[in-house]
PDB file of N, CA and C in Angstrom:
ATOM      1  N   MET A   1      20.378   1.707  -4.477  1.00  0.00           N
ATOM      2  CA  MET A   1      20.698   0.580  -5.315  1.00  0.00           C
ATOM      3  C   MET A   1      20.671   1.061  -6.760  1.00  0.00           C
ATOM      4  N   VAL A   2      21.682   0.664  -7.510  1.00  0.00           N
ATOM      5  CA  VAL A   2      21.765   1.004  -8.919  1.00  0.00           C
ATOM      6  C   VAL A   2      21.451  -0.244  -9.709  1.00  0.00           C
ATOM      7  N   ARG A   3      20.537  -0.115 -10.640  1.00  0.00           N
ATOM      8  CA  ARG A   3      20.167  -1.256 -11.473  1.00  0.00           C
ATOM      9  C   ARG A   3      20.636  -0.994 -12.891  1.00  0.00           C
ATOM     10  N   LYS A   4      21.145  -2.018 -13.525  1.00  0.00           N
ATOM     11  CA  LYS A   4      21.535  -1.909 -14.919  1.00  0.00           C
ATOM     12  C   LYS A   4      20.321  -2.199 -15.781  1.00  0.00           C
ATOM     13  N   LEU A   5      20.157  -1.407 -16.821  1.00  0.00           N
ATOM     14  CA  LEU A   5      19.078  -1.647 -17.768  1.00  0.00           C
ATOM     15  C   LEU A   5      19.630  -2.505 -18.888  1.00  0.00           C
ATOM     16  N   ALA A   6      18.992  -3.604 -19.140  1.00  0.00           N
ATOM     17  CA  ALA A   6      19.482  -4.518 -20.161  1.00  0.00           C
ATOM     18  C   ALA A   6      18.430  -4.735 -21.225  1.00  0.00           C
ATOM     19  N   GLY A   7      18.925  -5.054 -22.401  1.00  0.00           N
ATOM     20  CA  GLY A   7      18.044  -5.467 -23.486  1.00  0.00           C
ATOM     21  C   GLY A   7      16.935  -4.492 -23.769  1.00  0.00           C
ATOM     22  N   ASN A   8      15.716  -5.018 -23.840  1.00  0.00           N
ATOM     23  CA  ASN A   8      14.581  -4.188 -24.237  1.00  0.00           C
ATOM     24  C   ASN A   8      14.179  -3.176 -23.170  1.00  0.00           C
ATOM     25  N   LYS A   9      14.617  -3.338 -21.921  1.00  0.00           N
ATOM     26  CA  LYS A   9      14.316  -2.322 -20.914  1.00  0.00           C
ATOM     27  C   LYS A   9      15.001  -1.013 -21.290  1.00  0.00           C
ATOM     28  N   LEU A  10      16.268  -1.107 -21.704  1.00  0.00           N
ATOM     29  CA  LEU A  10      16.994   0.086 -22.115  1.00  0.00           C
ATOM     30  C   LEU A  10      16.350   0.687 -23.356  1.00  0.00           C
ATOM     31  N   SER A  11      15.970  -0.145 -24.293  1.00  0.00           N
ATOM     32  CA  SER A  11      15.336   0.381 -25.509  1.00  0.00           C
ATOM     33  C   SER A  11      13.987   1.022 -25.192  1.00  0.00           C
ATOM     34  N   ASP A  12      13.266   0.494 -24.211  1.00  0.00           N
ATOM     35  CA  ASP A  12      11.998   1.106 -23.798  1.00  0.00           C
ATOM     36  C   ASP A  12      12.228   2.511 -23.246  1.00  0.00           C
ATOM     37  N   VAL A  13      13.268   2.660 -22.429  1.00  0.00           N
ATOM     38  CA  VAL A  13      13.585   3.974 -21.858  1.00  0.00           C
ATOM     39  C   VAL A  13      13.975   4.938 -22.968  1.00  0.00           C
ATOM     40  N   LEU A  14      14.827   4.477 -23.874  1.00  0.00           N
ATOM     41  CA  LEU A  14      15.257   5.334 -24.979  1.00  0.00           C
ATOM     42  C   LEU A  14      14.084   5.705 -25.885  1.00  0.00           C
ATOM     43  N   ASP A  15      13.200   4.750 -26.150  1.00  0.00           N
ATOM     44  CA  ASP A  15      12.013   5.033 -26.964  1.00  0.00           C
ATOM     45  C   ASP A  15      11.130   6.091 -26.305  1.00  0.00           C
ATOM     46  N   ALA A  16      10.934   5.975 -24.999  1.00  0.00           N
ATOM     47  CA  ALA A  16      10.105   6.943 -24.274  1.00  0.00           C
ATOM     48  C   ALA A  16      10.747   8.326 -24.305  1.00  0.00           C
ATOM     49  N   ALA A  17      12.067   8.380 -24.141  1.00  0.00           N
ATOM     50  CA  ALA A  17      12.770   9.664 -24.188  1.00  0.00           C
ATOM     51  C   ALA A  17      12.649  10.284 -25.578  1.00  0.00           C
ATOM     52  N   ALA A  18      12.832   9.482 -26.608  1.00  0.00           N
ATOM     53  CA  ALA A  18      12.721   9.985 -27.981  1.00  0.00           C
ATOM     54  C   ALA A  18      11.310  10.487 -28.263  1.00  0.00           C
ATOM     55  N   GLU A  19      10.323   9.761 -27.788  1.00  0.00           N
ATOM     56  CA  GLU A  19       8.932  10.170 -27.979  1.00  0.00           C
ATOM     57  C   GLU A  19       8.668  11.516 -27.316  1.00  0.00           C
ATOM     58  N   GLY A  20       9.194  11.684 -26.109  1.00  0.00           N
ATOM     59  CA  GLY A  20       9.029  12.953 -25.402  1.00  0.00           C
ATOM     60  C   GLY A  20       9.707  14.101 -26.126  1.00  0.00           C
ATOM     61  N   LEU A  21      10.913  13.868 -26.633  1.00  0.00           N
ATOM     62  CA  LEU A  21      11.626  14.907 -27.377  1.00  0.00           C
ATOM     63  C   LEU A  21      10.895  15.268 -28.667  1.00  0.00           C
ATOM     64  N   ASN A  22      10.396  14.269 -29.370  1.00  0.00           N
ATOM     65  CA  ASN A  22       9.636  14.530 -30.597  1.00  0.00           C
ATOM     66  C   ASN A  22       8.377  15.341 -30.304  1.00  0.00           C
ATOM     67  N   LEU A  23       7.712  15.016 -29.230  1.00  0.00           N
ATOM     68  CA  LEU A  23       6.506  15.740 -28.844  1.00  0.00           C
ATOM     69  C   LEU A  23       6.822  17.206 -28.584  1.00  0.00           C
ATOM     70  N   LEU A  24       7.905  17.459 -27.860  1.00  0.00           N
ATOM     71  CA  LEU A  24       8.299  18.840 -27.573  1.00  0.00           C
ATOM     72  C   LEU A  24       8.721  19.573 -28.846  1.00  0.00           C
ATOM     73  N   ARG A  25       9.476  18.910 -29.699  1.00  0.00           N
ATOM     74  CA  ARG A  25       9.941  19.513 -30.948  1.00  0.00           C
ATOM     75  C   ARG A  25       8.764  19.908 -31.838  1.00  0.00           C
ATOM     76  N   ASP A  26       7.743  19.084 -31.858  1.00  0.00           N
ATOM     77  CA  ASP A  26       6.581  19.328 -32.706  1.00  0.00           C
ATOM     78  C   ASP A  26       5.574  20.291 -32.078  1.00  0.00           C
ATOM     79  N   GLY A  27       5.935  20.906 -30.966  1.00  0.00           N
ATOM     80  CA  GLY A  27       5.059  21.879 -30.327  1.00  0.00           C
ATOM     81  C   GLY A  27       4.010  21.263 -29.427  1.00  0.00           C
ATOM     82  N   GLY A  28       4.149  20.001 -29.135  1.00  0.00           N
ATOM     83  CA  GLY A  28       3.201  19.338 -28.246  1.00  0.00           C
ATOM     84  C   GLY A  28       3.395  19.777 -26.808  1.00  0.00           C
ATOM     85  N   GLU A  29       2.472  19.398 -25.991  1.00  0.00           N
ATOM     86  CA  GLU A  29       2.524  19.774 -24.585  1.00  0.00           C
ATOM     87  C   GLU A  29       3.004  18.592 -23.761  1.00  0.00           C
ATOM     88  N   LEU A  30       3.977  18.850 -22.935  1.00  0.00           N
ATOM     89  CA  LEU A  30       4.484  17.824 -22.039  1.00  0.00           C
ATOM     90  C   LEU A  30       3.871  18.079 -20.668  1.00  0.00           C
ATOM     91  N   VAL A  31       3.162  17.126 -20.150  1.00  0.00           N
ATOM     92  CA  VAL A  31       2.470  17.282 -18.876  1.00  0.00           C
ATOM     93  C   VAL A  31       3.356  16.736 -17.763  1.00  0.00           C
ATOM     94  N   THR A  32       3.525  17.536 -16.746  1.00  0.00           N
ATOM     95  CA  THR A  32       4.268  17.090 -15.565  1.00  0.00           C
ATOM     96  C   THR A  32       3.375  17.274 -14.354  1.00  0.00           C
ATOM     97  N   ARG A  33       3.748  16.634 -13.291  1.00  0.00           N
ATOM     98  CA  ARG A  33       3.015  16.865 -12.052  1.00  0.00           C
ATOM     99  C   ARG A  33       4.009  16.902 -10.907  1.00  0.00           C
ATOM    100  N   THR A  34       3.673  17.674  -9.934  1.00  0.00           N
ATOM    101  CA  THR A  34       4.512  17.824  -8.760  1.00  0.00           C
ATOM    102  C   THR A  34       3.847  17.089  -7.612  1.00  0.00           C
ATOM    103  N   VAL A  35       4.628  16.321  -6.913  1.00  0.00           N
ATOM    104  CA  VAL A  35       4.101  15.620  -5.748  1.00  0.00           C
ATOM    105  C   VAL A  35       4.874  16.074  -4.519  1.00  0.00           C
ATOM    106  N   LYS A  36       4.203  16.081  -3.411  1.00  0.00           N
ATOM    107  CA  LYS A  36       4.840  16.441  -2.151  1.00  0.00           C
ATOM    108  C   LYS A  36       4.976  15.170  -1.328  1.00  0.00           C
ATOM    109  N   ILE A  37       6.184  14.863  -0.962  1.00  0.00           N
ATOM    110  CA  ILE A  37       6.450  13.656  -0.185  1.00  0.00           C
ATOM    111  C   ILE A  37       6.765  14.071   1.245  1.00  0.00           C
ATOM    112  N   ALA A  38       6.017  13.521   2.168  1.00  0.00           N
ATOM    113  CA  ALA A  38       6.192  13.863   3.577  1.00  0.00           C
ATOM    114  C   ALA A  38       7.542  13.369   4.091  1.00  0.00           C
ATOM    115  N   GLU A  39       8.068  14.086   5.048  1.00  0.00           N
ATOM    116  CA  GLU A  39       9.299  13.655   5.712  1.00  0.00           C
ATOM    117  C   GLU A  39       9.034  12.337   6.440  1.00  0.00           C
ATOM    118  N   PRO A  40      10.056  11.508   6.612  1.00  0.00           N
ATOM    119  CA  PRO A  40       9.865  10.263   7.370  1.00  0.00           C
ATOM    120  C   PRO A  40       9.420  10.569   8.799  1.00  0.00           C
ATOM    121  N   SER A  41       8.602   9.698   9.338  1.00  0.00           N
ATOM    122  CA  SER A  41       8.153   9.843  10.724  1.00  0.00           C
ATOM    123  C   SER A  41       9.332   9.698  11.678  1.00  0.00           C
ATOM    124  N   ARG A  42       9.139  10.200  12.880  1.00  0.00           N
ATOM    125  CA  ARG A  42      10.132   9.994  13.945  1.00  0.00           C
ATOM    126  C   ARG A  42       9.614   8.879  14.839  1.00  0.00           C
ATOM    127  N   PHE A  43      10.502   8.016  15.251  1.00  0.00           N
ATOM    128  CA  PHE A  43      10.111   6.860  16.047  1.00  0.00           C
ATOM    129  C   PHE A  43      10.809   6.884  17.391  1.00  0.00           C
ATOM    130  N   ASN A  44       9.997   6.840  18.461  1.00  0.00           N
ATOM    131  CA  ASN A  44      10.565   6.737  19.798  1.00  0.00           C
ATOM    132  C   ASN A  44      10.676   5.255  20.162  1.00  0.00           C
ATOM    133  N   PRO A  45      11.390   4.938  21.239  1.00  0.00           N
ATOM    134  CA  PRO A  45      11.605   3.531  21.606  1.00  0.00           C
ATOM    135  C   PRO A  45      10.318   2.726  21.779  1.00  0.00           C
ATOM    136  N   ARG A  46       9.315   3.299  22.435  1.00  0.00           N
ATOM    137  CA  ARG A  46       8.059   2.561  22.655  1.00  0.00           C
ATOM    138  C   ARG A  46       7.367   2.232  21.337  1.00  0.00           C
ATOM    139  N   ARG A  47       7.410   3.161  20.408  1.00  0.00           N
ATOM    140  CA  ARG A  47       6.746   2.946  19.119  1.00  0.00           C
ATOM    141  C   ARG A  47       7.435   1.833  18.332  1.00  0.00           C
ATOM    142  N   VAL A  48       8.760   1.821  18.335  1.00  0.00           N
ATOM    143  CA  VAL A  48       9.500   0.762  17.636  1.00  0.00           C
ATOM    144  C   VAL A  48       9.164  -0.592  18.251  1.00  0.00           C
ATOM    145  N   THR A  49       9.184  -0.662  19.569  1.00  0.00           N
ATOM    146  CA  THR A  49       8.885  -1.919  20.264  1.00  0.00           C
ATOM    147  C   THR A  49       7.463  -2.385  19.962  1.00  0.00           C
ATOM    148  N   ARG A  50       6.514  -1.453  19.985  1.00  0.00           N
ATOM    149  CA  ARG A  50       5.116  -1.799  19.707  1.00  0.00           C
ATOM    150  C   ARG A  50       4.959  -2.366  18.295  1.00  0.00           C
ATOM    151  N   ILE A  51       5.596  -1.744  17.319  1.00  0.00           N
ATOM    152  CA  ILE A  51       5.509  -2.224  15.930  1.00  0.00           C
ATOM    153  C   ILE A  51       6.058  -3.643  15.835  1.00  0.00           C
ATOM    154  N   ARG A  52       7.230  -3.859  16.411  1.00  0.00           N
ATOM    155  CA  ARG A  52       7.858  -5.186  16.352  1.00  0.00           C
ATOM    156  C   ARG A  52       6.980  -6.234  17.016  1.00  0.00           C
ATOM    157  N   LYS A  53       6.434  -5.907  18.175  1.00  0.00           N
ATOM    158  CA  LYS A  53       5.606  -6.874  18.899  1.00  0.00           C
ATOM    159  C   LYS A  53       4.282  -7.138  18.182  1.00  0.00           C
ATOM    160  N   GLN A  54       3.717  -6.113  17.530  1.00  0.00           N
ATOM    161  CA  GLN A  54       2.476  -6.319  16.773  1.00  0.00           C
ATOM    162  C   GLN A  54       2.703  -7.286  15.615  1.00  0.00           C
ATOM    163  N   ILE A  55       3.895  -7.246  15.040  1.00  0.00           N
ATOM    164  CA  ILE A  55       4.223  -8.177  13.965  1.00  0.00           C
ATOM    165  C   ILE A  55       4.519  -9.560  14.543  1.00  0.00           C
ATOM    166  N   GLY A  56       4.885  -9.594  15.819  1.00  0.00           N
ATOM    167  CA  GLY A  56       5.131 -10.868  16.489  1.00  0.00           C
ATOM    168  C   GLY A  56       6.505 -11.449  16.220  1.00  0.00           C
ATOM    169  N   MET A  57       7.509 -10.584  16.167  1.00  0.00           N
ATOM    170  CA  MET A  57       8.860 -11.055  15.870  1.00  0.00           C
ATOM    171  C   MET A  57       9.823 -10.701  16.986  1.00  0.00           C
ATOM    172  N   SER A  58      10.854 -11.516  17.085  1.00  0.00           N
ATOM    173  CA  SER A  58      11.960 -11.197  17.982  1.00  0.00           C
ATOM    174  C   SER A  58      12.735 -10.022  17.392  1.00  0.00           C
ATOM    175  N   GLN A  59      13.619  -9.439  18.190  1.00  0.00           N
ATOM    176  CA  GLN A  59      14.442  -8.350  17.671  1.00  0.00           C
ATOM    177  C   GLN A  59      15.292  -8.825  16.495  1.00  0.00           C
ATOM    178  N   ALA A  60      15.824 -10.030  16.586  1.00  0.00           N
ATOM    179  CA  ALA A  60      16.672 -10.561  15.515  1.00  0.00           C
ATOM    180  C   ALA A  60      15.884 -10.756  14.220  1.00  0.00           C
ATOM    181  N   ALA A  61      14.695 -11.336  14.313  1.00  0.00           N
ATOM    182  CA  ALA A  61      13.876 -11.563  13.117  1.00  0.00           C
ATOM    183  C   ALA A  61      13.403 -10.239  12.524  1.00  0.00           C
ATOM    184  N   PHE A  62      12.999  -9.309  13.378  1.00  0.00           N
ATOM    185  CA  PHE A  62      12.546  -8.004  12.912  1.00  0.00           C
ATOM    186  C   PHE A  62      13.683  -7.257  12.220  1.00  0.00           C
ATOM    187  N   ALA A  63      14.875  -7.345  12.798  1.00  0.00           N
ATOM    188  CA  ALA A  63      16.044  -6.709  12.188  1.00  0.00           C
ATOM    189  C   ALA A  63      16.288  -7.265  10.794  1.00  0.00           C
ATOM    190  N   ARG A  64      16.204  -8.572  10.668  1.00  0.00           N
ATOM    191  CA  ARG A  64      16.397  -9.205   9.362  1.00  0.00           C
ATOM    192  C   ARG A  64      15.315  -8.746   8.378  1.00  0.00           C
ATOM    193  N   LEU A  65      14.097  -8.656   8.848  1.00  0.00           N
ATOM    194  CA  LEU A  65      12.978  -8.234   8.005  1.00  0.00           C
ATOM    195  C   LEU A  65      13.193  -6.844   7.421  1.00  0.00           C
ATOM    196  N   ILE A  66      13.650  -5.905   8.246  1.00  0.00           N
ATOM    197  CA  ILE A  66      13.784  -4.524   7.774  1.00  0.00           C
ATOM    198  C   ILE A  66      15.196  -4.180   7.310  1.00  0.00           C
ATOM    199  N   GLY A  67      16.089  -5.159   7.317  1.00  0.00           N
ATOM    200  CA  GLY A  67      17.414  -4.953   6.745  1.00  0.00           C
ATOM    201  C   GLY A  67      18.415  -4.248   7.634  1.00  0.00           C
ATOM    202  N   THR A  68      18.362  -4.539   8.912  1.00  0.00           N
ATOM    203  CA  THR A  68      19.336  -3.965   9.830  1.00  0.00           C
ATOM    204  C   THR A  68      19.829  -5.058  10.772  1.00  0.00           C
ATOM    205  N   THR A  69      20.541  -4.688  11.803  1.00  0.00           N
ATOM    206  CA  THR A  69      21.086  -5.677  12.736  1.00  0.00           C
ATOM    207  C   THR A  69      20.257  -5.721  14.017  1.00  0.00           C
ATOM    208  N   PRO A  70      20.309  -6.854  14.716  1.00  0.00           N
ATOM    209  CA  PRO A  70      19.626  -6.925  16.013  1.00  0.00           C
ATOM    210  C   PRO A  70      20.139  -5.862  16.990  1.00  0.00           C
ATOM    211  N   ALA A  71      21.422  -5.562  16.941  1.00  0.00           N
ATOM    212  CA  ALA A  71      21.987  -4.539  17.832  1.00  0.00           C
ATOM    213  C   ALA A  71      21.358  -3.172  17.563  1.00  0.00           C
ATOM    214  N   THR A  72      21.087  -2.887  16.312  1.00  0.00           N
ATOM    215  CA  THR A  72      20.458  -1.608  15.964  1.00  0.00           C
ATOM    216  C   THR A  72      19.028  -1.553  16.474  1.00  0.00           C
ATOM    217  N   VAL A  73      18.276  -2.630  16.298  1.00  0.00           N
ATOM    218  CA  VAL A  73      16.897  -2.664  16.809  1.00  0.00           C
ATOM    219  C   VAL A  73      16.914  -2.504  18.327  1.00  0.00           C
ATOM    220  N   ARG A  74      17.824  -3.195  19.011  1.00  0.00           N
ATOM    221  CA  ARG A  74      17.942  -3.050  20.473  1.00  0.00           C
ATOM    222  C   ARG A  74      18.227  -1.594  20.845  1.00  0.00           C
ATOM    223  N   ALA A  75      19.140  -0.961  20.103  1.00  0.00           N
ATOM    224  CA  ALA A  75      19.499   0.431  20.395  1.00  0.00           C
ATOM    225  C   ALA A  75      18.304   1.363  20.189  1.00  0.00           C
ATOM    226  N   TRP A  76      17.503   1.113  19.160  1.00  0.00           N
ATOM    227  CA  TRP A  76      16.296   1.924  18.952  1.00  0.00           C
ATOM    228  C   TRP A  76      15.335   1.751  20.118  1.00  0.00           C
ATOM    229  N   GLU A  77      15.129   0.491  20.518  1.00  0.00           N
ATOM    230  CA  GLU A  77      14.158   0.202  21.576  1.00  0.00           C
ATOM    231  C   GLU A  77      14.629   0.685  22.942  1.00  0.00           C
ATOM    232  N   GLN A  78      15.925   0.853  23.108  1.00  0.00           N
ATOM    233  CA  GLN A  78      16.465   1.364  24.367  1.00  0.00           C
ATOM    234  C   GLN A  78      16.673   2.879  24.332  1.00  0.00           C
ATOM    235  N   GLY A  79      16.391   3.495  23.195  1.00  0.00           N
ATOM    236  CA  GLY A  79      16.556   4.936  23.070  1.00  0.00           C
ATOM    237  C   GLY A  79      17.994   5.383  22.895  1.00  0.00           C
ATOM    238  N   LEU A  80      18.881   4.462  22.549  1.00  0.00           N
ATOM    239  CA  LEU A  80      20.289   4.802  22.362  1.00  0.00           C
ATOM    240  C   LEU A  80      20.573   5.343  20.966  1.00  0.00           C
ATOM    241  N   LYS A  81      19.742   4.962  20.020  1.00  0.00           N
ATOM    242  CA  LYS A  81      19.856   5.429  18.638  1.00  0.00           C
ATOM    243  C   LYS A  81      18.468   5.769  18.121  1.00  0.00           C
ATOM    244  N   VAL A  82      18.450   6.583  17.077  1.00  0.00           N
ATOM    245  CA  VAL A  82      17.200   6.955  16.411  1.00  0.00           C
ATOM    246  C   VAL A  82      17.257   6.382  14.993  1.00  0.00           C
ATOM    247  N   PRO A  83      16.176   5.773  14.514  1.00  0.00           N
ATOM    248  CA  PRO A  83      16.183   5.226  13.155  1.00  0.00           C
ATOM    249  C   PRO A  83      16.503   6.295  12.106  1.00  0.00           C
ATOM    250  N   SER A  84      17.320   5.913  11.129  1.00  0.00           N
ATOM    251  CA  SER A  84      17.665   6.806  10.018  1.00  0.00           C
ATOM    252  C   SER A  84      16.441   7.020   9.132  1.00  0.00           C
ATOM    253  N   GLY A  85      16.588   7.831   8.112  1.00  0.00           N
ATOM    254  CA  GLY A  85      15.483   8.101   7.188  1.00  0.00           C
ATOM    255  C   GLY A  85      14.935   6.850   6.535  1.00  0.00           C
ATOM    256  N   ILE A  86      15.817   6.027   5.951  1.00  0.00           N
ATOM    257  CA  ILE A  86      15.353   4.819   5.268  1.00  0.00           C
ATOM    258  C   ILE A  86      14.786   3.817   6.269  1.00  0.00           C
ATOM    259  N   ALA A  87      15.399   3.724   7.442  1.00  0.00           N
ATOM    260  CA  ALA A  87      14.871   2.828   8.475  1.00  0.00           C
ATOM    261  C   ALA A  87      13.495   3.307   8.931  1.00  0.00           C
ATOM    262  N   SER A  88      13.331   4.618   9.033  1.00  0.00           N
ATOM    263  CA  SER A  88      12.028   5.166   9.414  1.00  0.00           C
ATOM    264  C   SER A  88      10.966   4.834   8.375  1.00  0.00           C
ATOM    265  N   ARG A  89      11.334   4.871   7.095  1.00  0.00           N
ATOM    266  CA  ARG A  89      10.383   4.494   6.043  1.00  0.00           C
ATOM    267  C   ARG A  89       9.978   3.026   6.192  1.00  0.00           C
ATOM    268  N   MET A  90      10.943   2.157   6.478  1.00  0.00           N
ATOM    269  CA  MET A  90      10.627   0.738   6.678  1.00  0.00           C
ATOM    270  C   MET A  90       9.719   0.561   7.893  1.00  0.00           C
ATOM    271  N   LEU A  91       9.984   1.311   8.957  1.00  0.00           N
ATOM    272  CA  LEU A  91       9.137   1.233  10.147  1.00  0.00           C
ATOM    273  C   LEU A  91       7.727   1.747   9.847  1.00  0.00           C
ATOM    274  N   GLU A  92       7.620   2.794   9.021  1.00  0.00           N
ATOM    275  CA  GLU A  92       6.295   3.288   8.622  1.00  0.00           C
ATOM    276  C   GLU A  92       5.511   2.194   7.900  1.00  0.00           C
ATOM    277  N   ILE A  93       6.174   1.494   6.990  1.00  0.00           N
ATOM    278  CA  ILE A  93       5.510   0.403   6.268  1.00  0.00           C
ATOM    279  C   ILE A  93       5.119  -0.700   7.237  1.00  0.00           C
ATOM    280  N   ALA A  94       6.022  -1.042   8.146  1.00  0.00           N
ATOM    281  CA  ALA A  94       5.736  -2.090   9.135  1.00  0.00           C
ATOM    282  C   ALA A  94       4.540  -1.707   9.995  1.00  0.00           C
ATOM    283  N   GLU A  95       4.412  -0.435  10.301  1.00  0.00           N
ATOM    284  CA  GLU A  95       3.315   0.038  11.147  1.00  0.00           C
ATOM    285  C   GLU A  95       1.994   0.102  10.370  1.00  0.00           C
ATOM    286  N   ARG A  96       2.044   0.604   9.144  1.00  0.00           N
ATOM    287  CA  ARG A  96       0.813   0.809   8.363  1.00  0.00           C
ATOM    288  C   ARG A  96       0.345  -0.446   7.639  1.00  0.00           C
ATOM    289  N   GLU A  97       1.295  -1.208   7.104  1.00  0.00           N
ATOM    290  CA  GLU A  97       0.964  -2.379   6.283  1.00  0.00           C
ATOM    291  C   GLU A  97       1.835  -3.570   6.674  1.00  0.00           C
ATOM    292  N   PRO A  98       1.705  -4.054   7.905  1.00  0.00           N
ATOM    293  CA  PRO A  98       2.596  -5.136   8.346  1.00  0.00           C
ATOM    294  C   PRO A  98       2.505  -6.382   7.473  1.00  0.00           C
ATOM    295  N   LYS A  99       1.323  -6.702   6.980  1.00  0.00           N
ATOM    296  CA  LYS A  99       1.184  -7.900   6.137  1.00  0.00           C
ATOM    297  C   LYS A  99       1.936  -7.747   4.826  1.00  0.00           C
ATOM    298  N   ALA A 100       1.909  -6.553   4.257  1.00  0.00           N
ATOM    299  CA  ALA A 100       2.633  -6.317   3.003  1.00  0.00           C
ATOM    300  C   ALA A 100       4.131  -6.486   3.211  1.00  0.00           C
ATOM    301  N   LEU A 101       4.622  -6.038   4.350  1.00  0.00           N
ATOM    302  CA  LEU A 101       6.049  -6.142   4.636  1.00  0.00           C
ATOM    303  C   LEU A 101       6.458  -7.571   4.940  1.00  0.00           C
ATOM    304  N   THR A 102       5.655  -8.273   5.704  1.00  0.00           N
ATOM    305  CA  THR A 102       6.042  -9.627   6.116  1.00  0.00           C
ATOM    306  C   THR A 102       5.755 -10.682   5.059  1.00  0.00           C
ATOM    307  N   ARG A 103       4.840 -10.411   4.144  1.00  0.00           N
ATOM    308  CA  ARG A 103       4.432 -11.418   3.159  1.00  0.00           C
ATOM    309  C   ARG A 103       5.624 -12.002   2.405  1.00  0.00           C
ATOM    310  N   SER A 104       6.447 -11.164   1.811  1.00  0.00           N
ATOM    311  CA  SER A 104       7.563 -11.681   1.015  1.00  0.00           C
ATOM    312  C   SER A 104       8.602 -12.343   1.904  1.00  0.00           C
ATOM    313  N   PHE A 105       8.801 -11.819   3.098  1.00  0.00           N
ATOM    314  CA  PHE A 105       9.779 -12.403   4.017  1.00  0.00           C
ATOM    315  C   PHE A 105       9.335 -13.795   4.453  1.00  0.00           C
ATOM    316  N   LEU A 106       8.091 -13.934   4.834  1.00  0.00           N
ATOM    317  CA  LEU A 106       7.609 -15.219   5.331  1.00  0.00           C
ATOM    318  C   LEU A 106       7.504 -16.259   4.227  1.00  0.00           C
ATOM    319  N   GLU A 107       7.190 -15.837   3.006  1.00  0.00           N
ATOM    320  CA  GLU A 107       7.114 -16.778   1.897  1.00  0.00           C
ATOM    321  C   GLU A 107       8.485 -17.312   1.534  1.00  0.00           C
ATOM    322  N   ALA A 108       9.515 -16.512   1.760  1.00  0.00           N
ATOM    323  CA  ALA A 108      10.871 -16.922   1.400  1.00  0.00           C
ATOM    324  C   ALA A 108      11.440 -17.933   2.386  1.00  0.00           C
ATOM    325  N   MET A 109      10.822 -18.070   3.523  1.00  0.00           N
ATOM    326  CA  MET A 109      11.366 -18.962   4.566  1.00  0.00           C
ATOM    327  C   MET A 109      11.029 -20.408   4.271  1.00  0.00           C
TER     328      MET A 109
END
């Protein structure tokens, strides 16, 4: 998703960039850090089904929650398809923090 920066958000980004450039120009130290991000988990059919059932949703509702179609959830649960990277990340969140994932969805209903 691409977001447009408007108004003071854009000026905040530009101000931060200018501050960083000034710091470097003046001989200051710019601190960076490297993070290691794990690859998305792999999900087998039983694991997908277990996650969905623990949340207590039908395939259609679960599909809507994670931004896919009921046919895709069915295919995962039947072993016909494997969740993509982004879908795997959503499934990881559903498995680790189901309340965090469902909170915004259920409040919107």
